[in-house]
Amino acid sequence: MESNPVFDEKVVIQAVLDGQSWRFGELVVAYQERLTIGLYAMLGNRHDAEDVAQDAFTTAYQKLRSYECRSSFFTWLHRIAFNQAIDHKRREKRHRRTTFESDRGVDLSEDLMKTSSSDSPVTILEREEIRLSIHQALAQIDAERRAVITLRDLQGLNYEEISECLSIPVGTVRSRLHRARLELKEVLLSRGEWSESQ
């Protein structure tokens, strides 16, 4: 019995370029959740993150022939999404939320911290509180540093991929990440959510 073939984004992309446009949906399924999580951390609003992610996929589909496969598809996609997120923030500057308080009712447990049926209500609540605290703290740090820490610590991109996404040198990625982590720690300390012993 043959096993299902492993997902190969290059094969899927080539199929789309060869006229099998419906196969682009495989890329959406593969990367939508990951992209939305990163955009949520940047924008601070789940609905805005979903809108920007959708726009990014639309743009990626329209510009797919310009993708040169020098980096992963996700890195290329995230660069598109990052630029669109910046544009979105400029357009919505007056209405932008500075904290995540209004998103308390949005269930993101399936995104950032998986829960299982065996988890106790206390465990689930603790995870939700941690998730909310981290997002609130991220919202308070410098936008450029927040982008780097989001890509590295939430998205798992390496330094070279972040460099390409943000169009900055690898050395700048490293220095911004270092400063971002220090800044995040300071915010958590000021909120009483971090101790020097950690």
Protein backbone atom coordinates (compact mmCIF):
# COMPACT_ATOMS: atom_id res chain seq x y z
CA MET A 1 0.00 0.00 0.00
CA GLU A 2 1.48 3.35 -1.05
CA SER A 3 1.79 6.10 1.53
CA ASN A 4 0.69 9.64 0.81
CA PRO A 5 3.47 11.67 -0.81
CA VAL A 6 5.23 14.21 1.38
CA PHE A 7 4.10 17.82 0.77
CA ASP A 8 6.59 19.43 -1.60
CA GLU A 9 5.92 23.13 -2.04
CA LYS A 10 8.04 23.38 -5.19
CA VAL A 11 6.01 20.64 -6.88
CA VAL A 12 2.77 22.37 -5.86
CA ILE A 13 3.99 25.77 -7.06
CA GLN A 14 5.02 24.33 -10.42
CA ALA A 15 1.63 22.66 -10.75
CA VAL A 16 -0.09 26.01 -10.12
CA LEU A 17 2.13 27.70 -12.70
CA ASP A 18 1.29 24.90 -15.15
CA GLY A 19 -2.40 25.72 -14.89
CA GLN A 20 -3.59 23.71 -11.88
CA SER A 21 -4.64 26.87 -10.03
CA TRP A 22 -6.74 24.96 -7.49
CA ARG A 23 -3.56 23.49 -6.04
CA PHE A 24 -2.65 26.89 -4.59
CA GLY A 25 -5.10 25.92 -1.84
CA GLU A 26 -2.52 23.39 -0.64
CA LEU A 27 -0.13 26.24 0.09
CA VAL A 28 -2.87 28.12 1.92
CA VAL A 29 -3.64 25.06 4.07
CA ALA A 30 0.07 24.52 4.77
CA TYR A 31 0.90 28.08 5.84
CA GLN A 32 -2.24 30.03 6.74
CA GLU A 33 -2.25 29.31 10.47
CA ARG A 34 1.45 29.99 10.88
CA LEU A 35 1.22 33.25 8.94
CA THR A 36 -1.84 34.42 10.86
CA ILE A 37 -0.15 33.79 14.22
CA GLY A 38 2.79 35.97 13.22
CA LEU A 39 0.54 38.72 11.90
CA TYR A 40 -1.55 38.62 15.07
CA ALA A 41 1.58 39.21 17.13
CA MET A 42 2.45 42.17 14.90
CA LEU A 43 -1.00 43.74 14.55
CA GLY A 44 -2.57 42.90 17.89
CA ASN A 45 -5.92 42.02 16.39
CA ARG A 46 -7.06 38.61 15.19
CA HIS A 47 -9.44 39.90 12.53
CA ASP A 48 -6.84 42.28 11.08
CA ALA A 49 -4.32 39.42 11.02
CA GLU A 50 -6.73 37.19 9.12
CA ASP A 51 -7.51 39.97 6.62
CA VAL A 52 -3.85 40.72 5.97
CA ALA A 53 -3.05 37.01 5.65
CA GLN A 54 -5.81 36.62 3.06
CA ASP A 55 -4.53 39.64 1.14
CA ALA A 56 -0.99 38.24 1.28
CA PHE A 57 -2.09 34.92 -0.20
CA THR A 58 -3.98 36.75 -2.94
CA THR A 59 -0.91 38.83 -3.78
CA ALA A 60 1.32 35.75 -3.65
CA TYR A 61 -0.97 33.96 -6.10
CA GLN A 62 -0.96 36.92 -8.46
CA LYS A 63 2.83 37.27 -8.29
CA LEU A 64 3.69 33.58 -8.16
CA ARG A 65 5.64 33.72 -11.42
CA SER A 66 8.05 36.18 -9.80
CA TYR A 67 8.87 33.72 -7.00
CA GLU A 68 12.38 32.46 -7.73
CA CYS A 69 12.65 29.65 -5.13
CA ARG A 70 15.82 31.14 -3.64
CA SER A 71 14.14 31.03 -0.24
CA SER A 72 11.27 29.02 1.13
CA PHE A 73 7.80 29.93 -0.07
CA PHE A 74 6.86 30.87 3.50
CA THR A 75 9.75 33.34 3.75
CA TRP A 76 8.68 34.96 0.46
CA LEU A 77 5.03 34.95 1.56
CA HIS A 78 5.88 36.43 4.95
CA ARG A 79 7.77 39.29 3.31
CA ILE A 80 4.65 40.11 1.29
CA ALA A 81 2.49 39.86 4.42
CA PHE A 82 4.88 41.98 6.50
CA ASN A 83 4.79 44.80 3.94
CA GLN A 84 1.00 44.60 3.80
CA ALA A 85 0.81 44.63 7.60
CA ILE A 86 2.88 47.82 7.67
CA ASP A 87 0.54 49.40 5.10
CA HIS A 88 -2.47 48.23 7.12
CA LYS A 89 -1.09 49.78 10.31
CA ARG A 90 -0.54 53.08 8.51
CA ARG A 91 -4.10 53.08 7.18
CA GLU A 92 -5.60 52.12 10.52
CA LYS A 93 -3.28 54.16 12.73
CA ARG A 94 -6.09 56.12 14.38
CA HIS A 95 -8.01 52.97 15.20
CA ARG A 96 -5.12 50.69 16.04
CA ARG A 97 -5.37 48.97 19.40
CA THR A 98 -2.32 49.26 21.59
CA THR A 99 -3.18 46.26 23.76
CA PHE A 100 -4.84 42.93 23.30
CA GLU A 101 -7.54 43.56 25.90
CA SER A 102 -10.36 43.61 23.35
CA ASP A 103 -9.30 40.20 22.05
CA ARG A 104 -9.87 38.40 25.36
CA GLY A 105 -12.88 36.64 23.89
CA VAL A 106 -11.00 35.32 20.86
CA ASP A 107 -9.99 31.71 21.25
CA LEU A 108 -6.40 31.40 20.09
CA SER A 109 -5.59 28.26 22.05
CA GLU A 110 -5.52 26.32 18.80
CA ASP A 111 -2.85 28.67 17.51
CA LEU A 112 -0.26 29.39 20.13
CA MET A 113 -0.73 26.80 22.83
CA LYS A 114 -2.39 23.57 21.88
CA THR A 115 -4.81 22.12 24.36
CA SER A 116 -6.02 18.58 24.61
CA SER A 117 -9.11 16.99 26.05
CA SER A 118 -7.02 15.76 28.99
CA ASP A 119 -6.02 19.29 30.05
CA SER A 120 -7.68 20.55 33.19
CA PRO A 121 -9.59 23.84 33.18
CA VAL A 122 -6.86 25.31 35.41
CA THR A 123 -4.14 24.33 32.92
CA ILE A 124 -6.09 25.81 30.01
CA LEU A 125 -6.69 29.04 31.97
CA GLU A 126 -2.99 29.31 32.87
CA ARG A 127 -1.99 28.89 29.22
CA GLU A 128 -4.50 31.52 28.15
CA GLU A 129 -3.18 33.95 30.77
CA ILE A 130 0.41 33.37 29.66
CA ARG A 131 -0.52 33.82 26.00
CA LEU A 132 -2.39 37.04 26.72
CA SER A 133 0.45 38.42 28.87
CA ILE A 134 3.03 37.76 26.17
CA HIS A 135 0.91 39.41 23.49
CA GLN A 136 0.21 42.42 25.68
CA ALA A 137 3.93 42.75 26.40
CA LEU A 138 4.82 42.39 22.72
CA ALA A 139 2.42 45.20 21.88
CA GLN A 140 4.48 47.55 24.06
CA ILE A 141 7.86 47.03 22.43
CA ASP A 142 9.30 48.84 19.42
CA ALA A 143 7.64 47.72 16.14
CA GLU A 144 10.90 46.85 14.37
CA ARG A 145 12.07 44.73 17.29
CA ARG A 146 8.63 43.17 17.65
CA ALA A 147 8.78 42.04 14.03
CA VAL A 148 12.13 40.31 14.58
CA ILE A 149 11.17 38.59 17.83
CA THR A 150 7.89 37.45 16.26
CA LEU A 151 9.62 35.91 13.27
CA ARG A 152 12.31 34.23 15.37
CA ASP A 153 10.57 33.15 18.57
CA LEU A 154 6.98 32.65 17.38
CA GLN A 155 7.54 31.70 13.75
CA GLY A 156 10.83 29.84 14.12
CA LEU A 157 12.53 31.47 11.13
CA ASN A 158 16.34 31.46 11.08
CA TYR A 159 18.42 34.64 10.90
CA GLU A 160 18.91 34.44 7.14
CA GLU A 161 15.17 34.02 6.52
CA ILE A 162 14.37 36.97 8.79
CA SER A 163 17.01 39.01 7.00
CA GLU A 164 15.30 38.30 3.70
CA CYS A 165 11.78 38.91 5.05
CA LEU A 166 12.67 42.30 6.47
CA SER A 167 15.35 43.30 3.94
CA ILE A 168 17.94 43.96 6.64
CA PRO A 169 21.42 42.48 7.21
CA VAL A 170 21.78 39.38 9.38
CA GLY A 171 23.82 41.41 11.87
CA THR A 172 20.91 43.82 12.26
CA VAL A 173 18.56 40.88 12.82
CA ARG A 174 20.78 39.62 15.64
CA SER A 175 21.10 43.02 17.33
CA ARG A 176 17.37 43.78 17.04
CA LEU A 177 16.51 40.35 18.43
CA HIS A 178 18.85 40.87 21.38
CA ARG A 179 17.33 44.28 22.12
CA ALA A 180 13.80 42.94 21.61
CA ARG A 181 14.31 40.18 24.16
CA LEU A 182 15.73 42.66 26.67
CA GLU A 183 12.87 45.07 26.02
CA LEU A 184 10.29 42.29 26.37
CA LYS A 185 11.89 41.20 29.65
CA GLU A 186 11.74 44.79 30.93
CA VAL A 187 8.06 45.04 30.05
CA LEU A 188 7.31 41.75 31.80
CA LEU A 189 9.33 42.85 34.84
CA SER A 190 7.43 46.13 35.04
CA ARG A 191 4.16 44.19 34.88
CA GLY A 192 5.30 41.85 37.65
CA GLU A 193 5.21 38.89 35.26
CA TRP A 194 8.95 38.13 35.30
CA SER A 195 11.41 37.73 38.15
CA GLU A 196 15.16 38.22 37.93
CA SER A 197 15.57 34.58 38.96
CA GLN A 198 14.00 33.38 35.68
